[in-house]
Amino acid sequence: MACFIAALAESAVAYGVKKACEHRGTVRSLVWAKRIGTLITMLLGGSFLLMIEHVWHGEITATFPFLTAMRSPEDTATMIHEILTVGVSMDIALTVSWAAWVALTAHKLVSPKEA
């Protein structure tokens, strides 16, 4: 119903972390900070594809309240449960995959002077 909202929220948090690292100047010293843009792209791309799928199945409409699950309190409770279970578990899986990718490619990001 609305599991893509969890990915949108995580991408907003990751974007804030990216901006904070850029502001402090720690991007060069933190290996994962160099690759956080990839995580944001993956989250936003996944959210976009999930939104298309939800529009295709009629779960997102062009009329208010936009999410069909928000028309009744029972459906809203089901939607929130789906966001907190399905959406968060997908985000955890994606973030763990991204972290593994960063860990496996970390040696390519460290210059000989830093090692």
PDB file of N, CA and C in Angstrom:
ATOM      1  N   MET A   1       0.804  -1.194   0.000  1.00  0.00           N
ATOM      2  CA  MET A   1       0.000   0.000   0.000  1.00  0.00           C
ATOM      3  C   MET A   1       0.852   1.265   0.000  1.00  0.00           C
ATOM      4  N   ALA A   2       1.752   1.368   0.953  1.00  0.00           N
ATOM      5  CA  ALA A   2       2.566   2.576   1.028  1.00  0.00           C
ATOM      6  C   ALA A   2       3.950   2.291   1.573  1.00  0.00           C
ATOM      7  N   CYS A   3       4.485   1.116   1.277  1.00  0.00           N
ATOM      8  CA  CYS A   3       5.798   0.742   1.814  1.00  0.00           C
ATOM      9  C   CYS A   3       6.909   1.641   1.273  1.00  0.00           C
ATOM     10  N   PHE A   4       6.648   2.317   0.153  1.00  0.00           N
ATOM     11  CA  PHE A   4       7.661   3.202  -0.418  1.00  0.00           C
ATOM     12  C   PHE A   4       7.933   4.419   0.463  1.00  0.00           C
ATOM     13  N   ILE A   5       7.025   4.733   1.368  1.00  0.00           N
ATOM     14  CA  ILE A   5       7.201   5.891   2.244  1.00  0.00           C
ATOM     15  C   ILE A   5       8.397   5.685   3.167  1.00  0.00           C
ATOM     16  N   ALA A   6       8.630   4.458   3.597  1.00  0.00           N
ATOM     17  CA  ALA A   6       9.789   4.175   4.455  1.00  0.00           C
ATOM     18  C   ALA A   6      11.090   4.457   3.713  1.00  0.00           C
ATOM     19  N   ALA A   7      11.164   4.083   2.441  1.00  0.00           N
ATOM     20  CA  ALA A   7      12.372   4.344   1.649  1.00  0.00           C
ATOM     21  C   ALA A   7      12.558   5.841   1.413  1.00  0.00           C
ATOM     22  N   LEU A   8      11.467   6.562   1.206  1.00  0.00           N
ATOM     23  CA  LEU A   8      11.570   8.017   1.052  1.00  0.00           C
ATOM     24  C   LEU A   8      12.083   8.667   2.335  1.00  0.00           C
ATOM     25  N   ALA A   9      11.591   8.195   3.465  1.00  0.00           N
ATOM     26  CA  ALA A   9      12.048   8.742   4.746  1.00  0.00           C
ATOM     27  C   ALA A   9      13.530   8.444   4.971  1.00  0.00           C
ATOM     28  N   GLU A  10      13.959   7.223   4.660  1.00  0.00           N
ATOM     29  CA  GLU A  10      15.373   6.885   4.839  1.00  0.00           C
ATOM     30  C   GLU A  10      16.261   7.683   3.893  1.00  0.00           C
ATOM     31  N   SER A  11      15.785   7.916   2.677  1.00  0.00           N
ATOM     32  CA  SER A  11      16.596   8.703   1.740  1.00  0.00           C
ATOM     33  C   SER A  11      16.723  10.145   2.219  1.00  0.00           C
ATOM     34  N   ALA A  12      15.682  10.678   2.849  1.00  0.00           N
ATOM     35  CA  ALA A  12      15.771  12.037   3.403  1.00  0.00           C
ATOM     36  C   ALA A  12      16.789  12.087   4.540  1.00  0.00           C
ATOM     37  N   VAL A  13      16.779  11.076   5.391  1.00  0.00           N
ATOM     38  CA  VAL A  13      17.756  11.015   6.483  1.00  0.00           C
ATOM     39  C   VAL A  13      19.169  10.862   5.923  1.00  0.00           C
ATOM     40  N   ALA A  14      19.337   9.995   4.942  1.00  0.00           N
ATOM     41  CA  ALA A  14      20.663   9.794   4.339  1.00  0.00           C
ATOM     42  C   ALA A  14      21.156  11.066   3.669  1.00  0.00           C
ATOM     43  N   TYR A  15      20.249  11.815   3.047  1.00  0.00           N
ATOM     44  CA  TYR A  15      20.635  13.087   2.431  1.00  0.00           C
ATOM     45  C   TYR A  15      21.094  14.088   3.494  1.00  0.00           C
ATOM     46  N   GLY A  16      20.396  14.109   4.626  1.00  0.00           N
ATOM     47  CA  GLY A  16      20.817  14.974   5.730  1.00  0.00           C
ATOM     48  C   GLY A  16      22.183  14.592   6.263  1.00  0.00           C
ATOM     49  N   VAL A  17      22.452  13.290   6.374  1.00  0.00           N
ATOM     50  CA  VAL A  17      23.768  12.811   6.821  1.00  0.00           C
ATOM     51  C   VAL A  17      24.835  13.215   5.812  1.00  0.00           C
ATOM     52  N   LYS A  18      24.509  13.091   4.530  1.00  0.00           N
ATOM     53  CA  LYS A  18      25.466  13.470   3.490  1.00  0.00           C
ATOM     54  C   LYS A  18      25.815  14.948   3.582  1.00  0.00           C
ATOM     55  N   LYS A  19      24.801  15.786   3.749  1.00  0.00           N
ATOM     56  CA  LYS A  19      25.046  17.231   3.854  1.00  0.00           C
ATOM     57  C   LYS A  19      25.822  17.571   5.121  1.00  0.00           C
ATOM     58  N   ALA A  20      25.533  16.874   6.224  1.00  0.00           N
ATOM     59  CA  ALA A  20      26.272  17.120   7.464  1.00  0.00           C
ATOM     60  C   ALA A  20      27.741  16.731   7.304  1.00  0.00           C
ATOM     61  N   CYS A  21      28.005  15.613   6.630  1.00  0.00           N
ATOM     62  CA  CYS A  21      29.399  15.198   6.391  1.00  0.00           C
ATOM     63  C   CYS A  21      30.115  16.185   5.481  1.00  0.00           C
ATOM     64  N   GLU A  22      29.406  16.688   4.472  1.00  0.00           N
ATOM     65  CA  GLU A  22      30.020  17.679   3.582  1.00  0.00           C
ATOM     66  C   GLU A  22      30.301  18.980   4.330  1.00  0.00           C
ATOM     67  N   HIS A  23      29.404  19.350   5.221  1.00  0.00           N
ATOM     68  CA  HIS A  23      29.582  20.590   5.980  1.00  0.00           C
ATOM     69  C   HIS A  23      30.773  20.484   6.934  1.00  0.00           C
ATOM     70  N   ARG A  24      30.944  19.333   7.552  1.00  0.00           N
ATOM     71  CA  ARG A  24      32.062  19.131   8.476  1.00  0.00           C
ATOM     72  C   ARG A  24      33.368  18.827   7.768  1.00  0.00           C
ATOM     73  N   GLY A  25      33.293  18.463   6.500  1.00  0.00           N
ATOM     74  CA  GLY A  25      34.502  18.134   5.761  1.00  0.00           C
ATOM     75  C   GLY A  25      35.008  16.736   6.030  1.00  0.00           C
ATOM     76  N   THR A  26      34.138  15.840   6.490  1.00  0.00           N
ATOM     77  CA  THR A  26      34.570  14.482   6.817  1.00  0.00           C
ATOM     78  C   THR A  26      34.354  13.507   5.672  1.00  0.00           C
ATOM     79  N   VAL A  27      33.920  13.986   4.518  1.00  0.00           N
ATOM     80  CA  VAL A  27      33.657  13.085   3.400  1.00  0.00           C
ATOM     81  C   VAL A  27      34.931  12.381   2.957  1.00  0.00           C
ATOM     82  N   ARG A  28      36.052  13.088   2.959  1.00  0.00           N
ATOM     83  CA  ARG A  28      37.301  12.478   2.501  1.00  0.00           C
ATOM     84  C   ARG A  28      37.833  11.432   3.467  1.00  0.00           C
ATOM     85  N   SER A  29      37.519  11.573   4.758  1.00  0.00           N
ATOM     86  CA  SER A  29      38.078  10.638   5.738  1.00  0.00           C
ATOM     87  C   SER A  29      37.175   9.438   6.016  1.00  0.00           C
ATOM     88  N   LEU A  30      35.894   9.536   5.714  1.00  0.00           N
ATOM     89  CA  LEU A  30      34.970   8.427   5.960  1.00  0.00           C
ATOM     90  C   LEU A  30      34.665   7.707   4.650  1.00  0.00           C
ATOM     91  N   VAL A  31      34.972   6.427   4.600  1.00  0.00           N
ATOM     92  CA  VAL A  31      34.794   5.657   3.371  1.00  0.00           C
ATOM     93  C   VAL A  31      33.326   5.609   2.971  1.00  0.00           C
ATOM     94  N   TRP A  32      32.418   5.352   3.933  1.00  0.00           N
ATOM     95  CA  TRP A  32      31.006   5.227   3.599  1.00  0.00           C
ATOM     96  C   TRP A  32      30.416   6.558   3.161  1.00  0.00           C
ATOM     97  N   ALA A  33      30.978   7.678   3.633  1.00  0.00           N
ATOM     98  CA  ALA A  33      30.439   8.991   3.258  1.00  0.00           C
ATOM     99  C   ALA A  33      30.670   9.277   1.776  1.00  0.00           C
ATOM    100  N   LYS A  34      31.715   8.667   1.207  1.00  0.00           N
ATOM    101  CA  LYS A  34      31.968   8.844  -0.224  1.00  0.00           C
ATOM    102  C   LYS A  34      30.928   8.130  -1.072  1.00  0.00           C
ATOM    103  N   ARG A  35      30.289   7.112  -0.523  1.00  0.00           N
ATOM    104  CA  ARG A  35      29.343   6.287  -1.280  1.00  0.00           C
ATOM    105  C   ARG A  35      27.886   6.481  -0.862  1.00  0.00           C
ATOM    106  N   ILE A  36      27.593   7.428   0.012  1.00  0.00           N
ATOM    107  CA  ILE A  36      26.224   7.580   0.495  1.00  0.00           C
ATOM    108  C   ILE A  36      25.285   8.087  -0.599  1.00  0.00           C
ATOM    109  N   GLY A  37      25.823   8.752  -1.594  1.00  0.00           N
ATOM    110  CA  GLY A  37      25.005   9.188  -2.725  1.00  0.00           C
ATOM    111  C   GLY A  37      24.412   7.998  -3.472  1.00  0.00           C
ATOM    112  N   THR A  38      25.152   6.898  -3.522  1.00  0.00           N
ATOM    113  CA  THR A  38      24.648   5.684  -4.154  1.00  0.00           C
ATOM    114  C   THR A  38      23.474   5.114  -3.370  1.00  0.00           C
ATOM    115  N   LEU A  39      23.563   5.137  -2.050  1.00  0.00           N
ATOM    116  CA  LEU A  39      22.451   4.671  -1.218  1.00  0.00           C
ATOM    117  C   LEU A  39      21.210   5.522  -1.460  1.00  0.00           C
ATOM    118  N   ILE A  40      21.382   6.821  -1.526  1.00  0.00           N
ATOM    119  CA  ILE A  40      20.251   7.720  -1.767  1.00  0.00           C
ATOM    120  C   ILE A  40      19.625   7.425  -3.124  1.00  0.00           C
ATOM    121  N   THR A  41      20.443   7.222  -4.136  1.00  0.00           N
ATOM    122  CA  THR A  41      19.932   6.902  -5.478  1.00  0.00           C
ATOM    123  C   THR A  41      19.176   5.584  -5.472  1.00  0.00           C
ATOM    124  N   MET A  42      19.709   4.581  -4.781  1.00  0.00           N
ATOM    125  CA  MET A  42      19.033   3.291  -4.708  1.00  0.00           C
ATOM    126  C   MET A  42      17.680   3.414  -4.001  1.00  0.00           C
ATOM    127  N   LEU A  43      17.639   4.165  -2.918  1.00  0.00           N
ATOM    128  CA  LEU A  43      16.388   4.337  -2.179  1.00  0.00           C
ATOM    129  C   LEU A  43      15.349   5.096  -2.998  1.00  0.00           C
ATOM    130  N   LEU A  44      15.774   6.172  -3.638  1.00  0.00           N
ATOM    131  CA  LEU A  44      14.827   6.949  -4.438  1.00  0.00           C
ATOM    132  C   LEU A  44      14.355   6.174  -5.662  1.00  0.00           C
ATOM    133  N   GLY A  45      15.250   5.432  -6.295  1.00  0.00           N
ATOM    134  CA  GLY A  45      14.862   4.612  -7.442  1.00  0.00           C
ATOM    135  C   GLY A  45      13.876   3.523  -7.054  1.00  0.00           C
ATOM    136  N   GLY A  46      14.123   2.874  -5.936  1.00  0.00           N
ATOM    137  CA  GLY A  46      13.206   1.857  -5.450  1.00  0.00           C
ATOM    138  C   GLY A  46      11.854   2.442  -5.089  1.00  0.00           C
ATOM    139  N   SER A  47      11.857   3.611  -4.459  1.00  0.00           N
ATOM    140  CA  SER A  47      10.596   4.277  -4.118  1.00  0.00           C
ATOM    141  C   SER A  47       9.808   4.627  -5.369  1.00  0.00           C
ATOM    142  N   PHE A  48      10.504   5.119  -6.375  1.00  0.00           N
ATOM    143  CA  PHE A  48       9.831   5.481  -7.624  1.00  0.00           C
ATOM    144  C   PHE A  48       9.187   4.257  -8.282  1.00  0.00           C
ATOM    145  N   LEU A  49       9.934   3.165  -8.335  1.00  0.00           N
ATOM    146  CA  LEU A  49       9.384   1.942  -8.931  1.00  0.00           C
ATOM    147  C   LEU A  49       8.212   1.397  -8.125  1.00  0.00           C
ATOM    148  N   LEU A  50       8.295   1.475  -6.797  1.00  0.00           N
ATOM    149  CA  LEU A  50       7.179   1.027  -5.972  1.00  0.00           C
ATOM    150  C   LEU A  50       5.960   1.933  -6.152  1.00  0.00           C
ATOM    151  N   MET A  51       6.186   3.233  -6.319  1.00  0.00           N
ATOM    152  CA  MET A  51       5.053   4.132  -6.567  1.00  0.00           C
ATOM    153  C   MET A  51       4.368   3.788  -7.884  1.00  0.00           C
ATOM    154  N   ILE A  52       5.157   3.511  -8.916  1.00  0.00           N
ATOM    155  CA  ILE A  52       4.574   3.120 -10.211  1.00  0.00           C
ATOM    156  C   ILE A  52       3.756   1.845 -10.045  1.00  0.00           C
ATOM    157  N   GLU A  53       4.283   0.883  -9.306  1.00  0.00           N
ATOM    158  CA  GLU A  53       3.562  -0.375  -9.085  1.00  0.00           C
ATOM    159  C   GLU A  53       2.268  -0.127  -8.323  1.00  0.00           C
ATOM    160  N   HIS A  54       2.292   0.749  -7.330  1.00  0.00           N
ATOM    161  CA  HIS A  54       1.085   1.038  -6.552  1.00  0.00           C
ATOM    162  C   HIS A  54       0.057   1.809  -7.378  1.00  0.00           C
ATOM    163  N   VAL A  55       0.500   2.679  -8.265  1.00  0.00           N
ATOM    164  CA  VAL A  55      -0.426   3.361  -9.175  1.00  0.00           C
ATOM    165  C   VAL A  55      -1.048   2.339 -10.117  1.00  0.00           C
ATOM    166  N   TRP A  56      -0.244   1.430 -10.628  1.00  0.00           N
ATOM    167  CA  TRP A  56      -0.710   0.394 -11.557  1.00  0.00           C
ATOM    168  C   TRP A  56      -1.822  -0.450 -10.930  1.00  0.00           C
ATOM    169  N   HIS A  57      -1.677  -0.745  -9.642  1.00  0.00           N
ATOM    170  CA  HIS A  57      -2.665  -1.581  -8.951  1.00  0.00           C
ATOM    171  C   HIS A  57      -3.795  -0.770  -8.330  1.00  0.00           C
ATOM    172  N   GLY A  58      -3.809   0.543  -8.547  1.00  0.00           N
ATOM    173  CA  GLY A  58      -4.901   1.379  -8.062  1.00  0.00           C
ATOM    174  C   GLY A  58      -4.838   1.737  -6.592  1.00  0.00           C
ATOM    175  N   GLU A  59      -3.683   1.568  -5.967  1.00  0.00           N
ATOM    176  CA  GLU A  59      -3.546   1.898  -4.550  1.00  0.00           C
ATOM    177  C   GLU A  59      -3.200   3.363  -4.331  1.00  0.00           C
ATOM    178  N   ILE A  60      -2.728   4.030  -5.373  1.00  0.00           N
ATOM    179  CA  ILE A  60      -2.481   5.470  -5.345  1.00  0.00           C
ATOM    180  C   ILE A  60      -3.374   6.071  -6.419  1.00  0.00           C
ATOM    181  N   THR A  61      -4.129   7.101  -6.048  1.00  0.00           N
ATOM    182  CA  THR A  61      -5.055   7.730  -6.985  1.00  0.00           C
ATOM    183  C   THR A  61      -4.735   9.215  -7.117  1.00  0.00           C
ATOM    184  N   ALA A  62      -5.356   9.854  -8.083  1.00  0.00           N
ATOM    185  CA  ALA A  62      -5.136  11.282  -8.307  1.00  0.00           C
ATOM    186  C   ALA A  62      -6.074  12.144  -7.467  1.00  0.00           C
ATOM    187  N   THR A  63      -6.953  11.533  -6.705  1.00  0.00           N
ATOM    188  CA  THR A  63      -7.891  12.283  -5.874  1.00  0.00           C
ATOM    189  C   THR A  63      -7.555  12.096  -4.399  1.00  0.00           C
ATOM    190  N   PHE A  64      -7.928  13.083  -3.606  1.00  0.00           N
ATOM    191  CA  PHE A  64      -7.676  13.026  -2.171  1.00  0.00           C
ATOM    192  C   PHE A  64      -8.388  11.830  -1.579  1.00  0.00           C
ATOM    193  N   PRO A  65      -7.801  11.080  -0.730  1.00  0.00           N
ATOM    194  CA  PRO A  65      -6.575  11.195   0.033  1.00  0.00           C
ATOM    195  C   PRO A  65      -5.351  10.577  -0.648  1.00  0.00           C
ATOM    196  N   PHE A  66      -5.391  10.342  -1.933  1.00  0.00           N
ATOM    197  CA  PHE A  66      -4.289   9.850  -2.767  1.00  0.00           C
ATOM    198  C   PHE A  66      -3.919   8.394  -2.498  1.00  0.00           C
ATOM    199  N   LEU A  67      -3.844   7.985  -1.245  1.00  0.00           N
ATOM    200  CA  LEU A  67      -3.625   6.579  -0.912  1.00  0.00           C
ATOM    201  C   LEU A  67      -4.974   5.978  -0.557  1.00  0.00           C
ATOM    202  N   THR A  68      -5.377   4.948  -1.262  1.00  0.00           N
ATOM    203  CA  THR A  68      -6.684   4.346  -1.004  1.00  0.00           C
ATOM    204  C   THR A  68      -6.767   3.764   0.401  1.00  0.00           C
ATOM    205  N   ALA A  69      -5.651   3.475   1.006  1.00  0.00           N
ATOM    206  CA  ALA A  69      -5.630   2.912   2.354  1.00  0.00           C
ATOM    207  C   ALA A  69      -5.950   3.954   3.423  1.00  0.00           C
ATOM    208  N   MET A  70      -6.085   5.204   3.041  1.00  0.00           N
ATOM    209  CA  MET A  70      -6.370   6.244   4.029  1.00  0.00           C
ATOM    210  C   MET A  70      -7.850   6.617   4.062  1.00  0.00           C
ATOM    211  N   ARG A  71      -8.676   5.851   3.414  1.00  0.00           N
ATOM    212  CA  ARG A  71     -10.101   6.188   3.364  1.00  0.00           C
ATOM    213  C   ARG A  71     -10.842   5.772   4.617  1.00  0.00           C
ATOM    214  N   SER A  72     -10.331   4.808   5.347  1.00  0.00           N
ATOM    215  CA  SER A  72     -10.971   4.403   6.602  1.00  0.00           C
ATOM    216  C   SER A  72      -9.898   4.183   7.659  1.00  0.00           C
ATOM    217  N   PRO A  73     -10.253   4.356   8.923  1.00  0.00           N
ATOM    218  CA  PRO A  73      -9.253   4.160   9.985  1.00  0.00           C
ATOM    219  C   PRO A  73      -8.661   2.747  10.016  1.00  0.00           C
ATOM    220  N   GLU A  74      -9.479   1.736   9.687  1.00  0.00           N
ATOM    221  CA  GLU A  74      -8.973   0.360   9.690  1.00  0.00           C
ATOM    222  C   GLU A  74      -7.924   0.168   8.601  1.00  0.00           C
ATOM    223  N   ASP A  75      -8.203   0.725   7.421  1.00  0.00           N
ATOM    224  CA  ASP A  75      -7.236   0.615   6.330  1.00  0.00           C
ATOM    225  C   ASP A  75      -5.966   1.403   6.629  1.00  0.00           C
ATOM    226  N   THR A  76      -6.112   2.539   7.307  1.00  0.00           N
ATOM    227  CA  THR A  76      -4.941   3.342   7.661  1.00  0.00           C
ATOM    228  C   THR A  76      -4.048   2.582   8.641  1.00  0.00           C
ATOM    229  N   ALA A  77      -4.654   1.908   9.594  1.00  0.00           N
ATOM    230  CA  ALA A  77      -3.871   1.104  10.541  1.00  0.00           C
ATOM    231  C   ALA A  77      -3.127  -0.015   9.813  1.00  0.00           C
ATOM    232  N   THR A  78      -3.782  -0.632   8.845  1.00  0.00           N
ATOM    233  CA  THR A  78      -3.134  -1.679   8.051  1.00  0.00           C
ATOM    234  C   THR A  78      -1.977  -1.102   7.244  1.00  0.00           C
ATOM    235  N   MET A  79      -2.162   0.091   6.689  1.00  0.00           N
ATOM    236  CA  MET A  79      -1.118   0.743   5.900  1.00  0.00           C
ATOM    237  C   MET A  79       0.098   1.067   6.776  1.00  0.00           C
ATOM    238  N   ILE A  80      -0.141   1.600   7.956  1.00  0.00           N
ATOM    239  CA  ILE A  80       0.966   1.937   8.852  1.00  0.00           C
ATOM    240  C   ILE A  80       1.711   0.668   9.264  1.00  0.00           C
ATOM    241  N   HIS A  81       0.968  -0.400   9.507  1.00  0.00           N
ATOM    242  CA  HIS A  81       1.604  -1.674   9.836  1.00  0.00           C
ATOM    243  C   HIS A  81       2.477  -2.153   8.673  1.00  0.00           C
ATOM    244  N   GLU A  82       1.997  -1.995   7.444  1.00  0.00           N
ATOM    245  CA  GLU A  82       2.787  -2.406   6.277  1.00  0.00           C
ATOM    246  C   GLU A  82       4.046  -1.560   6.131  1.00  0.00           C
ATOM    247  N   ILE A  83       3.923  -0.267   6.365  1.00  0.00           N
ATOM    248  CA  ILE A  83       5.104   0.605   6.279  1.00  0.00           C
ATOM    249  C   ILE A  83       6.145   0.167   7.303  1.00  0.00           C
ATOM    250  N   LEU A  84       5.693  -0.116   8.525  1.00  0.00           N
ATOM    251  CA  LEU A  84       6.628  -0.457   9.593  1.00  0.00           C
ATOM    252  C   LEU A  84       7.194  -1.863   9.485  1.00  0.00           C
ATOM    253  N   THR A  85       6.537  -2.736   8.757  1.00  0.00           N
ATOM    254  CA  THR A  85       7.059  -4.101   8.615  1.00  0.00           C
ATOM    255  C   THR A  85       7.712  -4.299   7.251  1.00  0.00           C
ATOM    256  N   VAL A  86       6.939  -4.201   6.203  1.00  0.00           N
ATOM    257  CA  VAL A  86       7.453  -4.463   4.858  1.00  0.00           C
ATOM    258  C   VAL A  86       8.429  -3.369   4.421  1.00  0.00           C
ATOM    259  N   GLY A  87       8.028  -2.107   4.579  1.00  0.00           N
ATOM    260  CA  GLY A  87       8.876  -0.997   4.137  1.00  0.00           C
ATOM    261  C   GLY A  87      10.202  -0.943   4.870  1.00  0.00           C
ATOM    262  N   VAL A  88      10.149  -1.072   6.184  1.00  0.00           N
ATOM    263  CA  VAL A  88      11.380  -1.008   6.977  1.00  0.00           C
ATOM    264  C   VAL A  88      12.266  -2.220   6.704  1.00  0.00           C
ATOM    265  N   SER A  89      11.676  -3.404   6.543  1.00  0.00           N
ATOM    266  CA  SER A  89      12.505  -4.587   6.260  1.00  0.00           C
ATOM    267  C   SER A  89      13.173  -4.476   4.887  1.00  0.00           C
ATOM    268  N   MET A  90      12.467  -3.923   3.897  1.00  0.00           N
ATOM    269  CA  MET A  90      13.100  -3.702   2.591  1.00  0.00           C
ATOM    270  C   MET A  90      14.245  -2.703   2.707  1.00  0.00           C
ATOM    271  N   ASP A  91      14.042  -1.654   3.494  1.00  0.00           N
ATOM    272  CA  ASP A  91      15.097  -0.657   3.671  1.00  0.00           C
ATOM    273  C   ASP A  91      16.304  -1.234   4.387  1.00  0.00           C
ATOM    274  N   ILE A  92      16.051  -2.071   5.370  1.00  0.00           N
ATOM    275  CA  ILE A  92      17.172  -2.711   6.081  1.00  0.00           C
ATOM    276  C   ILE A  92      17.956  -3.600   5.127  1.00  0.00           C
ATOM    277  N   ALA A  93      17.256  -4.380   4.324  1.00  0.00           N
ATOM    278  CA  ALA A  93      17.936  -5.261   3.364  1.00  0.00           C
ATOM    279  C   ALA A  93      18.749  -4.448   2.362  1.00  0.00           C
ATOM    280  N   LEU A  94      18.183  -3.360   1.874  1.00  0.00           N
ATOM    281  CA  LEU A  94      18.886  -2.520   0.910  1.00  0.00           C
ATOM    282  C   LEU A  94      20.100  -1.853   1.548  1.00  0.00           C
ATOM    283  N   THR A  95      19.956  -1.353   2.758  1.00  0.00           N
ATOM    284  CA  THR A  95      21.064  -0.679   3.431  1.00  0.00           C
ATOM    285  C   THR A  95      22.175  -1.656   3.785  1.00  0.00           C
ATOM    286  N   VAL A  96      21.826  -2.863   4.196  1.00  0.00           N
ATOM    287  CA  VAL A  96      22.848  -3.879   4.482  1.00  0.00           C
ATOM    288  C   VAL A  96      23.584  -4.255   3.207  1.00  0.00           C
ATOM    289  N   SER A  97      22.855  -4.380   2.094  1.00  0.00           N
ATOM    290  CA  SER A  97      23.501  -4.679   0.806  1.00  0.00           C
ATOM    291  C   SER A  97      24.451  -3.554   0.407  1.00  0.00           C
ATOM    292  N   TRP A  98      24.014  -2.322   0.590  1.00  0.00           N
ATOM    293  CA  TRP A  98      24.859  -1.164   0.275  1.00  0.00           C
ATOM    294  C   TRP A  98      26.106  -1.156   1.167  1.00  0.00           C
ATOM    295  N   ALA A  99      25.925  -1.419   2.460  1.00  0.00           N
ATOM    296  CA  ALA A  99      27.059  -1.427   3.387  1.00  0.00           C
ATOM    297  C   ALA A  99      28.050  -2.534   3.032  1.00  0.00           C
ATOM    298  N   ALA A 100      27.546  -3.689   2.617  1.00  0.00           N
ATOM    299  CA  ALA A 100      28.442  -4.771   2.189  1.00  0.00           C
ATOM    300  C   ALA A 100      29.216  -4.358   0.947  1.00  0.00           C
ATOM    301  N   TRP A 101      28.544  -3.700   0.009  1.00  0.00           N
ATOM    302  CA  TRP A 101      29.213  -3.214  -1.198  1.00  0.00           C
ATOM    303  C   TRP A 101      30.299  -2.199  -0.842  1.00  0.00           C
ATOM    304  N   VAL A 102      29.998  -1.291   0.088  1.00  0.00           N
ATOM    305  CA  VAL A 102      30.994  -0.305   0.515  1.00  0.00           C
ATOM    306  C   VAL A 102      32.178  -1.007   1.175  1.00  0.00           C
ATOM    307  N   ALA A 103      31.896  -1.989   2.010  1.00  0.00           N
ATOM    308  CA  ALA A 103      32.977  -2.706   2.691  1.00  0.00           C
ATOM    309  C   ALA A 103      33.849  -3.473   1.697  1.00  0.00           C
ATOM    310  N   LEU A 104      33.229  -4.065   0.683  1.00  0.00           N
ATOM    311  CA  LEU A 104      34.003  -4.838  -0.297  1.00  0.00           C
ATOM    312  C   LEU A 104      34.815  -3.951  -1.239  1.00  0.00           C
ATOM    313  N   THR A 105      34.374  -2.730  -1.447  1.00  0.00           N
ATOM    314  CA  THR A 105      35.087  -1.833  -2.364  1.00  0.00           C
ATOM    315  C   THR A 105      35.857  -0.743  -1.637  1.00  0.00           C
ATOM    316  N   ALA A 106      35.969  -0.843  -0.324  1.00  0.00           N
ATOM    317  CA  ALA A 106      36.635   0.207   0.458  1.00  0.00           C
ATOM    318  C   ALA A 106      38.104   0.361   0.087  1.00  0.00           C
ATOM    319  N   HIS A 107      38.767  -0.714  -0.282  1.00  0.00           N
ATOM    320  CA  HIS A 107      40.188  -0.622  -0.614  1.00  0.00           C
ATOM    321  C   HIS A 107      40.427   0.247  -1.856  1.00  0.00           C
ATOM    322  N   LYS A 108      39.437   0.372  -2.723  1.00  0.00           N
ATOM    323  CA  LYS A 108      39.570   1.195  -3.907  1.00  0.00           C
ATOM    324  C   LYS A 108      39.452   2.681  -3.584  1.00  0.00           C
ATOM    325  N   LEU A 109      38.850   2.987  -2.423  1.00  0.00           N
ATOM    326  CA  LEU A 109      38.629   4.392  -2.061  1.00  0.00           C
ATOM    327  C   LEU A 109      39.755   4.987  -1.248  1.00  0.00           C
ATOM    328  N   VAL A 110      40.644   4.147  -0.727  1.00  0.00           N
ATOM    329  CA  VAL A 110      41.730   4.630   0.106  1.00  0.00           C
ATOM    330  C   VAL A 110      42.955   4.836  -0.771  1.00  0.00           C
ATOM    331  N   SER A 111      43.443   6.060  -0.786  1.00  0.00           N
ATOM    332  CA  SER A 111      44.630   6.324  -1.592  1.00  0.00           C
ATOM    333  C   SER A 111      45.881   5.812  -0.845  1.00  0.00           C
ATOM    334  N   PRO A 112      46.986   5.564  -1.538  1.00  0.00           N
ATOM    335  CA  PRO A 112      48.206   5.067  -0.892  1.00  0.00           C
ATOM    336  C   PRO A 112      48.717   6.004   0.194  1.00  0.00           C
ATOM    337  N   LYS A 113      48.476   7.302   0.067  1.00  0.00           N
ATOM    338  CA  LYS A 113      48.938   8.248   1.070  1.00  0.00           C
ATOM    339  C   LYS A 113      48.154   8.103   2.367  1.00  0.00           C
ATOM    340  N   GLU A 114      46.859   7.726   2.267  1.00  0.00           N
ATOM    341  CA  GLU A 114      46.025   7.607   3.456  1.00  0.00           C
ATOM    342  C   GLU A 114      46.247   6.272   4.180  1.00  0.00           C
ATOM    343  N   ALA A 115      46.724   5.268   3.462  1.00  0.00           N
ATOM    344  CA  ALA A 115      46.847   3.930   4.057  1.00  0.00           C
ATOM    345  C   ALA A 115      48.021   3.817   4.991  1.00  0.00           C
TER     346      ALA A 115
END
